[in-house]
Amino acid sequence: MAYYKGEGRVYKGTVKDVPGFDPEKDAAALRKAMKGLGTDEDTLTDILVARSNEQRQKIAGCYKNLYGRDLCEDIQSEVSGSYETLLTDLLCPADKYDAREIRKALKGAGTSENVLIEILASRPKPCIQLLKKVYQEENGRCLEDDIKSDTSGHFGRVLVSLLQAKRDDPSFVDHAEAKKDAKIIFDAGEKICGTDEEAIITILCTESRPQLLQVFQEYQNLAGKSIEDSLKRETSGTLEDVLVAIVACIRDPPTYFAEQLYCAMKGAGTDEGTVIRVVVSRSEIDLEDIKAAVKRKYGTTLHTMIQGDIGGYLGKALLKLCGRND
């Protein structure tokens, strides 16, 4: 799947179907790697990282047919920590992954706002529609209701608006309307957290990508600064985070994810959860483009960043998912 493919924006993933794929052979190799004393982590990594998500589902099916065992459960009993998270994430069906991550972000004490922002701000309309359907089927709960109960204020309203998946389909750019929308955002100014927030939310959450790009340009012409600069100055906290994320994803999704990875690994400590989620979810979509964005924006490679921050089997697996070091 390629985001914005209809707009001539076809991105490249790092993981593809393996030619000559034999799910029974892979299932047997995985069982051997976990049977008896000790675990052969290299085999687990080599097989699960190199296969596409569709192929992993076939391996899991063969594993259950051959051995009467659940592959995910066996992996969870053999490995632990973030490495376990990565392997089980790889085995999650692609159409269920976002719903599972959203549920984890909402479940229990506290809410992981960064996960909600990343997923809802970056996914196109068909993915949001699928997310709501799968979330209901998997959890027996309404995603919109859960988000409303776990978030509040303008931040919650933005998430609910994104969840409606009402963004216009690309057609043509209305330059007059773009100037009007830019003026609405500009006039909000200091009042961006006041009476005009609903108009701004409507514009950012419903206009098509080509239309919004024109709005951003008209705003730059009018204000003499980028819309991101104004949002950062006039908003704060999670509202700032989600609005800036929407703009970033409209401008260029790979650059947005490059920034997410960089922030997850810079400074003391590493947010392994974000690194795993981004690499896994984008590996078959646009991870090659994200790698290029990392190099262009930060003057280093994603491989170098991972090698400097994440070791062990988790680091090795992430590097394999990233493909070539370029």
C-alpha atoms as a PDB file:
ATOM      1  CA  MET A   1       0.000   0.000   0.000  1.00  0.00           C
ATOM      2  CA  ALA A   2       1.330   3.444  -0.896  1.00  0.00           C
ATOM      3  CA  TYR A   3       0.048   6.592   0.737  1.00  0.00           C
ATOM      4  CA  TYR A   4      -1.216   9.248  -1.712  1.00  0.00           C
ATOM      5  CA  LYS A   5      -0.590   6.883  -4.607  1.00  0.00           C
ATOM      6  CA  GLY A   6      -3.418   8.530  -6.521  1.00  0.00           C
ATOM      7  CA  GLU A   7      -1.572  11.837  -6.310  1.00  0.00           C
ATOM      8  CA  GLY A   8       1.542  10.442  -7.962  1.00  0.00           C
ATOM      9  CA  ARG A   9       3.287   9.908  -4.624  1.00  0.00           C
ATOM     10  CA  VAL A  10       4.370   6.267  -4.615  1.00  0.00           C
ATOM     11  CA  TYR A  11       6.703   5.425  -1.751  1.00  0.00           C
ATOM     12  CA  LYS A  12       9.009   2.459  -1.277  1.00  0.00           C
ATOM     13  CA  GLY A  13       9.157  -0.044   1.554  1.00  0.00           C
ATOM     14  CA  THR A  14      12.112  -2.173   2.622  1.00  0.00           C
ATOM     15  CA  VAL A  15      10.237  -5.470   3.061  1.00  0.00           C
ATOM     16  CA  LYS A  16       8.728  -7.355   0.140  1.00  0.00           C
ATOM     17  CA  ASP A  17       7.490 -10.876  -0.576  1.00  0.00           C
ATOM     18  CA  VAL A  18      10.335 -13.400  -0.590  1.00  0.00           C
ATOM     19  CA  PRO A  19      10.536 -15.386  -3.873  1.00  0.00           C
ATOM     20  CA  GLY A  20      10.235 -19.148  -3.506  1.00  0.00           C
ATOM     21  CA  PHE A  21       8.484 -18.741  -0.176  1.00  0.00           C
ATOM     22  CA  ASP A  22       7.795 -22.034   1.664  1.00  0.00           C
ATOM     23  CA  PRO A  23       5.672 -21.470   4.795  1.00  0.00           C
ATOM     24  CA  GLU A  24       5.979 -25.072   5.995  1.00  0.00           C
ATOM     25  CA  LYS A  25       9.768 -24.919   5.820  1.00  0.00           C
ATOM     26  CA  ASP A  26       9.789 -21.632   7.724  1.00  0.00           C
ATOM     27  CA  ALA A  27       7.362 -22.959  10.332  1.00  0.00           C
ATOM     28  CA  ALA A  28       9.571 -26.019  10.877  1.00  0.00           C
ATOM     29  CA  ALA A  29      12.665 -23.847  11.247  1.00  0.00           C
ATOM     30  CA  LEU A  30      10.921 -21.629  13.796  1.00  0.00           C
ATOM     31  CA  ARG A  31       9.740 -24.620  15.816  1.00  0.00           C
ATOM     32  CA  LYS A  32      13.261 -26.040  15.853  1.00  0.00           C
ATOM     33  CA  ALA A  33      14.626 -22.652  16.978  1.00  0.00           C
ATOM     34  CA  MET A  34      12.368 -22.682  20.042  1.00  0.00           C
ATOM     35  CA  LYS A  35      12.166 -26.383  20.912  1.00  0.00           C
ATOM     36  CA  GLY A  36      14.120 -27.758  23.841  1.00  0.00           C
ATOM     37  CA  LEU A  37      16.662 -25.859  25.872  1.00  0.00           C
ATOM     38  CA  GLY A  38      17.693 -22.442  24.621  1.00  0.00           C
ATOM     39  CA  THR A  39      16.376 -20.320  21.788  1.00  0.00           C
ATOM     40  CA  ASP A  40      17.924 -19.606  18.407  1.00  0.00           C
ATOM     41  CA  GLU A  41      17.129 -15.883  18.192  1.00  0.00           C
ATOM     42  CA  ASP A  42      19.061 -15.476  14.948  1.00  0.00           C
ATOM     43  CA  THR A  43      16.696 -17.870  13.176  1.00  0.00           C
ATOM     44  CA  LEU A  44      13.648 -16.103  14.594  1.00  0.00           C
ATOM     45  CA  THR A  45      14.990 -12.790  13.326  1.00  0.00           C
ATOM     46  CA  ASP A  46      16.149 -14.038   9.933  1.00  0.00           C
ATOM     47  CA  ILE A  47      12.798 -15.597   9.080  1.00  0.00           C
ATOM     48  CA  LEU A  48      10.286 -13.149  10.543  1.00  0.00           C
ATOM     49  CA  VAL A  49      12.089  -9.975   9.490  1.00  0.00           C
ATOM     50  CA  ALA A  50      12.702 -11.089   5.909  1.00  0.00           C
ATOM     51  CA  ARG A  51       9.103 -12.128   5.143  1.00  0.00           C
ATOM     52  CA  SER A  52       6.242  -9.817   4.233  1.00  0.00           C
ATOM     53  CA  ASN A  53       3.294  -9.516   6.600  1.00  0.00           C
ATOM     54  CA  GLU A  54       1.136 -11.646   4.320  1.00  0.00           C
ATOM     55  CA  GLN A  55       3.801 -14.357   4.299  1.00  0.00           C
ATOM     56  CA  ARG A  56       4.126 -14.222   8.098  1.00  0.00           C
ATOM     57  CA  GLN A  57       0.393 -14.909   8.408  1.00  0.00           C
ATOM     58  CA  LYS A  58       0.822 -18.022   6.268  1.00  0.00           C
ATOM     59  CA  ILE A  59       3.755 -19.154   8.425  1.00  0.00           C
ATOM     60  CA  ALA A  60       1.663 -18.719  11.580  1.00  0.00           C
ATOM     61  CA  GLY A  61      -1.155 -20.732   9.994  1.00  0.00           C
ATOM     62  CA  CYS A  62       1.196 -23.552   8.993  1.00  0.00           C
ATOM     63  CA  TYR A  63       2.793 -23.517  12.450  1.00  0.00           C
ATOM     64  CA  LYS A  64      -0.589 -24.090  14.078  1.00  0.00           C
ATOM     65  CA  ASN A  65      -1.561 -26.793  11.567  1.00  0.00           C
ATOM     66  CA  LEU A  66       1.735 -28.658  11.944  1.00  0.00           C
ATOM     67  CA  TYR A  67       2.232 -28.405  15.690  1.00  0.00           C
ATOM     68  CA  GLY A  68      -1.113 -27.400  17.193  1.00  0.00           C
ATOM     69  CA  ARG A  69       0.607 -24.424  18.793  1.00  0.00           C
ATOM     70  CA  ASP A  70       0.260 -20.655  18.515  1.00  0.00           C
ATOM     71  CA  LEU A  71       3.408 -19.090  17.078  1.00  0.00           C
ATOM     72  CA  CYS A  72       2.966 -15.795  18.930  1.00  0.00           C
ATOM     73  CA  GLU A  73       2.476 -17.546  22.255  1.00  0.00           C
ATOM     74  CA  ASP A  74       5.569 -19.686  21.725  1.00  0.00           C
ATOM     75  CA  ILE A  75       7.651 -16.606  20.904  1.00  0.00           C
ATOM     76  CA  GLN A  76       6.351 -14.829  24.012  1.00  0.00           C
ATOM     77  CA  SER A  77       7.430 -17.806  26.125  1.00  0.00           C
ATOM     78  CA  GLU A  78      10.934 -17.851  24.642  1.00  0.00           C
ATOM     79  CA  VAL A  79      11.982 -14.178  24.386  1.00  0.00           C
ATOM     80  CA  SER A  80      11.154 -11.034  26.324  1.00  0.00           C
ATOM     81  CA  GLY A  81      11.277  -7.264  26.426  1.00  0.00           C
ATOM     82  CA  SER A  82      11.331  -5.068  23.362  1.00  0.00           C
ATOM     83  CA  TYR A  83      12.637  -7.906  21.196  1.00  0.00           C
ATOM     84  CA  GLU A  84       9.490  -9.883  22.012  1.00  0.00           C
ATOM     85  CA  THR A  85       7.402  -6.800  21.200  1.00  0.00           C
ATOM     86  CA  LEU A  86       9.056  -6.473  17.802  1.00  0.00           C
ATOM     87  CA  LEU A  87       8.548 -10.121  16.837  1.00  0.00           C
ATOM     88  CA  THR A  88       4.913 -10.214  17.948  1.00  0.00           C
ATOM     89  CA  ASP A  89       4.285  -6.901  16.166  1.00  0.00           C
ATOM     90  CA  LEU A  90       5.667  -8.417  12.974  1.00  0.00           C
ATOM     91  CA  LEU A  91       3.213 -11.310  13.332  1.00  0.00           C
ATOM     92  CA  CYS A  92       0.214  -9.030  13.843  1.00  0.00           C
ATOM     93  CA  PRO A  93      -1.947  -8.923  10.683  1.00  0.00           C
ATOM     94  CA  ALA A  94      -1.360  -5.608   8.945  1.00  0.00           C
ATOM     95  CA  ASP A  95      -5.038  -4.653   8.974  1.00  0.00           C
ATOM     96  CA  LYS A  96      -5.165  -5.095  12.770  1.00  0.00           C
ATOM     97  CA  TYR A  97      -1.907  -3.406  13.754  1.00  0.00           C
ATOM     98  CA  ASP A  98      -3.134   0.182  14.090  1.00  0.00           C
ATOM     99  CA  ALA A  99      -6.210  -0.901  16.055  1.00  0.00           C
ATOM    100  CA  ARG A 100      -4.027  -2.879  18.456  1.00  0.00           C
ATOM    101  CA  GLU A 101      -1.621   0.019  18.975  1.00  0.00           C
ATOM    102  CA  ILE A 102      -4.480   2.452  19.564  1.00  0.00           C
ATOM    103  CA  ARG A 103      -6.064   0.090  22.100  1.00  0.00           C
ATOM    104  CA  LYS A 104      -2.754  -0.239  23.962  1.00  0.00           C
ATOM    105  CA  ALA A 105      -2.436   3.557  23.993  1.00  0.00           C
ATOM    106  CA  LEU A 106      -5.903   3.978  25.517  1.00  0.00           C
ATOM    107  CA  LYS A 107      -5.942   1.011  27.887  1.00  0.00           C
ATOM    108  CA  GLY A 108      -5.015   1.214  31.533  1.00  0.00           C
ATOM    109  CA  ALA A 109      -3.823   4.181  33.563  1.00  0.00           C
ATOM    110  CA  GLY A 110      -2.902   7.180  31.459  1.00  0.00           C
ATOM    111  CA  THR A 111      -3.124   7.656  27.723  1.00  0.00           C
ATOM    112  CA  SER A 112      -0.221   7.545  25.250  1.00  0.00           C
ATOM    113  CA  GLU A 113      -1.148  10.699  23.348  1.00  0.00           C
ATOM    114  CA  ASN A 114       1.881  10.448  21.057  1.00  0.00           C
ATOM    115  CA  VAL A 115       0.615   7.118  19.668  1.00  0.00           C
ATOM    116  CA  LEU A 116      -2.856   8.544  19.015  1.00  0.00           C
ATOM    117  CA  ILE A 117      -1.352  11.562  17.265  1.00  0.00           C
ATOM    118  CA  GLU A 118       1.063   9.537  15.138  1.00  0.00           C
ATOM    119  CA  ILE A 119      -1.554   7.117  13.855  1.00  0.00           C
ATOM    120  CA  LEU A 120      -4.553   9.417  13.396  1.00  0.00           C
ATOM    121  CA  ALA A 121      -2.576  12.302  11.881  1.00  0.00           C
ATOM    122  CA  SER A 122      -0.665  10.171   9.387  1.00  0.00           C
ATOM    123  CA  ARG A 123      -3.136   7.614   8.055  1.00  0.00           C
ATOM    124  CA  PRO A 124      -5.178   8.339   4.907  1.00  0.00           C
ATOM    125  CA  LYS A 125      -8.950   8.072   4.806  1.00  0.00           C
ATOM    126  CA  PRO A 126      -9.225   4.335   3.891  1.00  0.00           C
ATOM    127  CA  CYS A 127      -6.889   3.387   6.747  1.00  0.00           C
ATOM    128  CA  ILE A 128      -8.878   5.398   9.292  1.00  0.00           C
ATOM    129  CA  GLN A 129     -12.109   3.800   8.103  1.00  0.00           C
ATOM    130  CA  LEU A 130     -10.560   0.335   8.432  1.00  0.00           C
ATOM    131  CA  LEU A 131      -9.106   1.216  11.840  1.00  0.00           C
ATOM    132  CA  LYS A 132     -12.548   2.073  13.248  1.00  0.00           C
ATOM    133  CA  LYS A 133     -14.085  -1.114  11.852  1.00  0.00           C
ATOM    134  CA  VAL A 134     -11.333  -3.415  13.140  1.00  0.00           C
ATOM    135  CA  TYR A 135     -11.203  -1.701  16.547  1.00  0.00           C
ATOM    136  CA  GLN A 136     -14.915  -2.380  17.014  1.00  0.00           C
ATOM    137  CA  GLU A 137     -14.579  -6.003  15.870  1.00  0.00           C
ATOM    138  CA  GLU A 138     -11.499  -6.753  17.985  1.00  0.00           C
ATOM    139  CA  ASN A 139     -12.518  -4.961  21.182  1.00  0.00           C
ATOM    140  CA  GLY A 140     -16.299  -4.777  21.064  1.00  0.00           C
ATOM    141  CA  ARG A 141     -15.938  -1.045  21.676  1.00  0.00           C
ATOM    142  CA  CYS A 142     -16.435   2.150  19.702  1.00  0.00           C
ATOM    143  CA  LEU A 143     -13.117   3.877  19.062  1.00  0.00           C
ATOM    144  CA  GLU A 144     -14.666   7.339  18.994  1.00  0.00           C
ATOM    145  CA  ASP A 145     -16.292   6.755  22.396  1.00  0.00           C
ATOM    146  CA  ASP A 146     -13.009   5.519  23.859  1.00  0.00           C
ATOM    147  CA  ILE A 147     -11.099   8.535  22.549  1.00  0.00           C
ATOM    148  CA  LYS A 148     -13.744  10.917  23.898  1.00  0.00           C
ATOM    149  CA  SER A 149     -13.517   9.314  27.333  1.00  0.00           C
ATOM    150  CA  ASP A 150      -9.703   9.413  27.420  1.00  0.00           C
ATOM    151  CA  THR A 151      -9.003  12.853  25.934  1.00  0.00           C
ATOM    152  CA  SER A 152     -10.464  16.308  26.416  1.00  0.00           C
ATOM    153  CA  GLY A 153     -10.565  19.863  25.159  1.00  0.00           C
ATOM    154  CA  HIS A 154      -9.457  20.957  21.725  1.00  0.00           C
ATOM    155  CA  PHE A 155      -6.987  18.065  21.543  1.00  0.00           C
ATOM    156  CA  GLY A 156      -9.780  15.536  21.873  1.00  0.00           C
ATOM    157  CA  ARG A 157     -11.847  17.402  19.298  1.00  0.00           C
ATOM    158  CA  VAL A 158      -9.013  17.232  16.764  1.00  0.00           C
ATOM    159  CA  LEU A 159      -8.675  13.468  17.253  1.00  0.00           C
ATOM    160  CA  VAL A 160     -12.425  12.933  16.893  1.00  0.00           C
ATOM    161  CA  SER A 161     -12.430  15.088  13.757  1.00  0.00           C
ATOM    162  CA  LEU A 162      -9.577  13.063  12.238  1.00  0.00           C
ATOM    163  CA  LEU A 163     -11.447   9.890  13.135  1.00  0.00           C
ATOM    164  CA  GLN A 164     -14.384  10.930  10.947  1.00  0.00           C
ATOM    165  CA  ALA A 165     -12.159  10.345   7.874  1.00  0.00           C
ATOM    166  CA  LYS A 166     -13.898  13.184   6.049  1.00  0.00           C
ATOM    167  CA  ARG A 167     -10.822  14.618   4.327  1.00  0.00           C
ATOM    168  CA  ASP A 168     -11.791  15.632   0.791  1.00  0.00           C
ATOM    169  CA  ASP A 169     -10.548  13.478  -2.045  1.00  0.00           C
ATOM    170  CA  PRO A 170      -8.021  15.190  -4.341  1.00  0.00           C
ATOM    171  CA  SER A 171      -9.691  16.924  -7.251  1.00  0.00           C
ATOM    172  CA  PHE A 172      -8.541  20.440  -8.015  1.00  0.00           C
ATOM    173  CA  VAL A 173      -7.036  23.280  -6.014  1.00  0.00           C
ATOM    174  CA  ASP A 174      -9.344  26.208  -5.337  1.00  0.00           C
ATOM    175  CA  HIS A 175      -6.899  29.105  -4.983  1.00  0.00           C
ATOM    176  CA  ALA A 176      -9.555  31.573  -3.824  1.00  0.00           C
ATOM    177  CA  GLU A 177     -10.718  29.174  -1.109  1.00  0.00           C
ATOM    178  CA  ALA A 178      -7.107  28.564  -0.071  1.00  0.00           C
ATOM    179  CA  LYS A 179      -6.584  32.315   0.420  1.00  0.00           C
ATOM    180  CA  LYS A 180      -9.800  32.479   2.439  1.00  0.00           C
ATOM    181  CA  ASP A 181      -8.758  29.565   4.682  1.00  0.00           C
ATOM    182  CA  ALA A 182      -5.281  31.039   5.171  1.00  0.00           C
ATOM    183  CA  LYS A 183      -6.899  34.307   6.267  1.00  0.00           C
ATOM    184  CA  ILE A 184      -9.119  32.463   8.755  1.00  0.00           C
ATOM    185  CA  ILE A 185      -6.072  30.847  10.345  1.00  0.00           C
ATOM    186  CA  PHE A 186      -4.104  34.103  10.243  1.00  0.00           C
ATOM    187  CA  ASP A 187      -6.918  36.135  11.801  1.00  0.00           C
ATOM    188  CA  ALA A 188      -7.155  33.641  14.660  1.00  0.00           C
ATOM    189  CA  GLY A 189      -3.683  34.752  15.742  1.00  0.00           C
ATOM    190  CA  GLU A 190      -3.565  35.053  19.483  1.00  0.00           C
ATOM    191  CA  LYS A 191      -7.111  33.678  19.636  1.00  0.00           C
ATOM    192  CA  ILE A 192      -6.111  30.289  18.191  1.00  0.00           C
ATOM    193  CA  CYS A 193      -7.060  28.655  21.513  1.00  0.00           C
ATOM    194  CA  GLY A 194     -10.233  30.712  21.692  1.00  0.00           C
ATOM    195  CA  THR A 195     -13.281  31.184  19.527  1.00  0.00           C
ATOM    196  CA  ASP A 196     -11.721  30.293  16.168  1.00  0.00           C
ATOM    197  CA  GLU A 197     -10.253  26.900  17.020  1.00  0.00           C
ATOM    198  CA  GLU A 198     -13.147  24.992  15.449  1.00  0.00           C
ATOM    199  CA  ALA A 199     -12.642  26.651  12.073  1.00  0.00           C
ATOM    200  CA  ILE A 200      -8.929  25.829  12.153  1.00  0.00           C
ATOM    201  CA  ILE A 201      -9.623  22.217  13.108  1.00  0.00           C
ATOM    202  CA  THR A 202     -12.146  21.910  10.284  1.00  0.00           C
ATOM    203  CA  ILE A 203      -9.687  23.241   7.717  1.00  0.00           C
ATOM    204  CA  LEU A 204      -6.779  21.029   8.804  1.00  0.00           C
ATOM    205  CA  CYS A 205      -8.871  17.868   9.226  1.00  0.00           C
ATOM    206  CA  THR A 206     -11.131  17.973   6.163  1.00  0.00           C
ATOM    207  CA  GLU A 207      -9.416  19.682   3.241  1.00  0.00           C
ATOM    208  CA  SER A 208      -7.570  17.542   0.691  1.00  0.00           C
ATOM    209  CA  ARG A 209      -3.793  17.373   0.689  1.00  0.00           C
ATOM    210  CA  PRO A 210      -3.346  19.472  -2.505  1.00  0.00           C
ATOM    211  CA  GLN A 211      -5.754  22.087  -1.140  1.00  0.00           C
ATOM    212  CA  LEU A 212      -3.975  22.266   2.210  1.00  0.00           C
ATOM    213  CA  LEU A 213      -0.586  22.617   0.558  1.00  0.00           C
ATOM    214  CA  GLN A 214      -1.965  25.689  -1.209  1.00  0.00           C
ATOM    215  CA  VAL A 215      -3.400  26.960   2.090  1.00  0.00           C
ATOM    216  CA  PHE A 216       0.049  26.614   3.666  1.00  0.00           C
ATOM    217  CA  GLN A 217       1.608  28.579   0.816  1.00  0.00           C
ATOM    218  CA  GLU A 218      -1.029  31.320   1.041  1.00  0.00           C
ATOM    219  CA  TYR A 219      -0.471  31.488   4.794  1.00  0.00           C
ATOM    220  CA  GLN A 220       3.280  31.891   4.236  1.00  0.00           C
ATOM    221  CA  ASN A 221       2.573  34.717   1.779  1.00  0.00           C
ATOM    222  CA  LEU A 222       0.172  36.410   4.192  1.00  0.00           C
ATOM    223  CA  ALA A 223       2.015  35.990   7.481  1.00  0.00           C
ATOM    224  CA  GLY A 224       5.608  35.930   6.305  1.00  0.00           C
ATOM    225  CA  LYS A 225       6.156  32.747   8.289  1.00  0.00           C
ATOM    226  CA  SER A 226       5.184  29.098   8.052  1.00  0.00           C
ATOM    227  CA  ILE A 227       1.946  27.841   9.516  1.00  0.00           C
ATOM    228  CA  GLU A 228       4.013  25.501  11.717  1.00  0.00           C
ATOM    229  CA  ASP A 229       5.789  28.475  13.281  1.00  0.00           C
ATOM    230  CA  SER A 230       2.462  30.120  14.102  1.00  0.00           C
ATOM    231  CA  LEU A 231       0.955  26.933  15.534  1.00  0.00           C
ATOM    232  CA  LYS A 232       4.012  26.414  17.732  1.00  0.00           C
ATOM    233  CA  ARG A 233       3.840  29.993  18.966  1.00  0.00           C
ATOM    234  CA  GLU A 234       0.104  30.143  19.579  1.00  0.00           C
ATOM    235  CA  THR A 235      -0.608  26.651  20.937  1.00  0.00           C
ATOM    236  CA  SER A 236       1.021  24.318  23.423  1.00  0.00           C
ATOM    237  CA  GLY A 237       0.948  20.795  24.769  1.00  0.00           C
ATOM    238  CA  THR A 238      -0.925  18.042  22.972  1.00  0.00           C
ATOM    239  CA  LEU A 239      -2.950  20.497  20.877  1.00  0.00           C
ATOM    240  CA  GLU A 240       0.257  21.909  19.435  1.00  0.00           C
ATOM    241  CA  ASP A 241       1.624  18.407  18.914  1.00  0.00           C
ATOM    242  CA  VAL A 242      -1.380  17.143  16.946  1.00  0.00           C
ATOM    243  CA  LEU A 243      -1.821  20.261  14.785  1.00  0.00           C
ATOM    244  CA  VAL A 244       1.868  20.372  13.869  1.00  0.00           C
ATOM    245  CA  ALA A 245       1.773  16.622  13.149  1.00  0.00           C
ATOM    246  CA  ILE A 246      -1.166  17.081  10.761  1.00  0.00           C
ATOM    247  CA  VAL A 247       0.711  19.783   8.863  1.00  0.00           C
ATOM    248  CA  ALA A 248       3.876  17.662   8.750  1.00  0.00           C
ATOM    249  CA  CYS A 249       2.006  14.622   7.422  1.00  0.00           C
ATOM    250  CA  ILE A 250       0.283  16.699   4.768  1.00  0.00           C
ATOM    251  CA  ARG A 251       3.614  18.154   3.642  1.00  0.00           C
ATOM    252  CA  ASP A 252       5.576  14.886   3.538  1.00  0.00           C
ATOM    253  CA  PRO A 253       4.853  11.712   5.571  1.00  0.00           C
ATOM    254  CA  PRO A 254       8.396  10.244   5.276  1.00  0.00           C
ATOM    255  CA  THR A 255       9.902  13.425   6.741  1.00  0.00           C
ATOM    256  CA  TYR A 256       7.379  13.322   9.591  1.00  0.00           C
ATOM    257  CA  PHE A 257       8.346   9.741  10.441  1.00  0.00           C
ATOM    258  CA  ALA A 258      12.044  10.586  10.132  1.00  0.00           C
ATOM    259  CA  GLU A 259      11.501  13.239  12.799  1.00  0.00           C
ATOM    260  CA  GLN A 260       9.654  10.755  15.005  1.00  0.00           C
ATOM    261  CA  LEU A 261      12.554   8.304  14.793  1.00  0.00           C
ATOM    262  CA  TYR A 262      15.157  10.986  15.424  1.00  0.00           C
ATOM    263  CA  CYS A 263      13.327  12.291  18.501  1.00  0.00           C
ATOM    264  CA  ALA A 264      12.895   8.734  19.808  1.00  0.00           C
ATOM    265  CA  MET A 265      16.648   8.133  19.729  1.00  0.00           C
ATOM    266  CA  LYS A 266      18.248  11.499  20.470  1.00  0.00           C
ATOM    267  CA  GLY A 267      19.637  12.355  23.881  1.00  0.00           C
ATOM    268  CA  ALA A 268      19.644  10.117  26.943  1.00  0.00           C
ATOM    269  CA  GLY A 269      17.373   7.122  26.728  1.00  0.00           C
ATOM    270  CA  THR A 270      15.599   5.614  23.750  1.00  0.00           C
ATOM    271  CA  ASP A 271      11.885   5.340  23.102  1.00  0.00           C
ATOM    272  CA  GLU A 272      12.072   1.800  21.732  1.00  0.00           C
ATOM    273  CA  GLY A 273       8.293   1.586  21.446  1.00  0.00           C
ATOM    274  CA  THR A 274       8.177   4.422  18.923  1.00  0.00           C
ATOM    275  CA  VAL A 275      11.115   3.042  16.949  1.00  0.00           C
ATOM    276  CA  ILE A 276       9.495  -0.398  16.748  1.00  0.00           C
ATOM    277  CA  ARG A 277       6.074   0.969  15.830  1.00  0.00           C
ATOM    278  CA  VAL A 278       7.360   3.252  13.067  1.00  0.00           C
ATOM    279  CA  VAL A 279       9.749   0.714  11.545  1.00  0.00           C
ATOM    280  CA  VAL A 280       7.214  -2.130  11.625  1.00  0.00           C
ATOM    281  CA  SER A 281       4.243  -0.104  10.367  1.00  0.00           C
ATOM    282  CA  ARG A 282       6.192   1.592   7.556  1.00  0.00           C
ATOM    283  CA  SER A 283       8.440  -1.314   6.498  1.00  0.00           C
ATOM    284  CA  GLU A 284       6.188  -2.287   3.580  1.00  0.00           C
ATOM    285  CA  ILE A 285       5.011   1.253   2.799  1.00  0.00           C
ATOM    286  CA  ASP A 286       7.713   3.932   2.747  1.00  0.00           C
ATOM    287  CA  LEU A 287      10.639   3.003   5.004  1.00  0.00           C
ATOM    288  CA  GLU A 288      13.100   3.543   2.139  1.00  0.00           C
ATOM    289  CA  ASP A 289      11.777   7.084   1.813  1.00  0.00           C
ATOM    290  CA  ILE A 290      11.990   7.587   5.576  1.00  0.00           C
ATOM    291  CA  LYS A 291      15.639   6.503   5.468  1.00  0.00           C
ATOM    292  CA  ALA A 292      16.283   9.050   2.730  1.00  0.00           C
ATOM    293  CA  ALA A 293      14.519  11.735   4.795  1.00  0.00           C
ATOM    294  CA  VAL A 294      16.678  10.919   7.839  1.00  0.00           C
ATOM    295  CA  LYS A 295      19.836  11.316   5.790  1.00  0.00           C
ATOM    296  CA  ARG A 296      18.638  14.529   4.157  1.00  0.00           C
ATOM    297  CA  LYS A 297      17.415  16.157   7.375  1.00  0.00           C
ATOM    298  CA  TYR A 298      19.983  14.946   9.912  1.00  0.00           C
ATOM    299  CA  GLY A 299      23.081  14.107   7.853  1.00  0.00           C
ATOM    300  CA  THR A 300      23.264  10.545   9.140  1.00  0.00           C
ATOM    301  CA  THR A 301      21.700   7.206   8.323  1.00  0.00           C
ATOM    302  CA  LEU A 302      18.922   5.403  10.141  1.00  0.00           C
ATOM    303  CA  HIS A 303      21.307   2.457  10.522  1.00  0.00           C
ATOM    304  CA  THR A 304      23.838   4.646  12.322  1.00  0.00           C
ATOM    305  CA  MET A 305      21.158   6.007  14.640  1.00  0.00           C
ATOM    306  CA  ILE A 306      19.905   2.529  15.541  1.00  0.00           C
ATOM    307  CA  GLN A 307      23.420   1.125  15.997  1.00  0.00           C
ATOM    308  CA  GLY A 308      24.243   3.945  18.395  1.00  0.00           C
ATOM    309  CA  ASP A 309      21.136   3.535  20.527  1.00  0.00           C
ATOM    310  CA  ILE A 310      19.781  -0.007  20.361  1.00  0.00           C
ATOM    311  CA  GLY A 311      21.786  -3.187  20.810  1.00  0.00           C
ATOM    312  CA  GLY A 312      21.186  -6.895  21.188  1.00  0.00           C
ATOM    313  CA  TYR A 313      18.746  -8.933  19.150  1.00  0.00           C
ATOM    314  CA  LEU A 314      16.338  -6.009  18.962  1.00  0.00           C
ATOM    315  CA  GLY A 315      18.968  -3.818  17.313  1.00  0.00           C
ATOM    316  CA  LYS A 316      19.935  -6.552  14.857  1.00  0.00           C
ATOM    317  CA  ALA A 317      16.316  -7.159  13.886  1.00  0.00           C
ATOM    318  CA  LEU A 318      15.597  -3.453  13.388  1.00  0.00           C
ATOM    319  CA  LEU A 319      18.666  -3.078  11.182  1.00  0.00           C
ATOM    320  CA  LYS A 320      17.513  -6.005   9.033  1.00  0.00           C
ATOM    321  CA  LEU A 321      14.056  -4.454   8.707  1.00  0.00           C
ATOM    322  CA  CYS A 322      15.671  -1.226   7.506  1.00  0.00           C
ATOM    323  CA  GLY A 323      17.403  -2.949   4.609  1.00  0.00           C
ATOM    324  CA  ARG A 324      20.548  -1.467   3.081  1.00  0.00           C
ATOM    325  CA  ASN A 325      22.609   1.079   4.988  1.00  0.00           C
ATOM    326  CA  ASP A 326      22.194   3.991   2.573  1.00  0.00           C
END
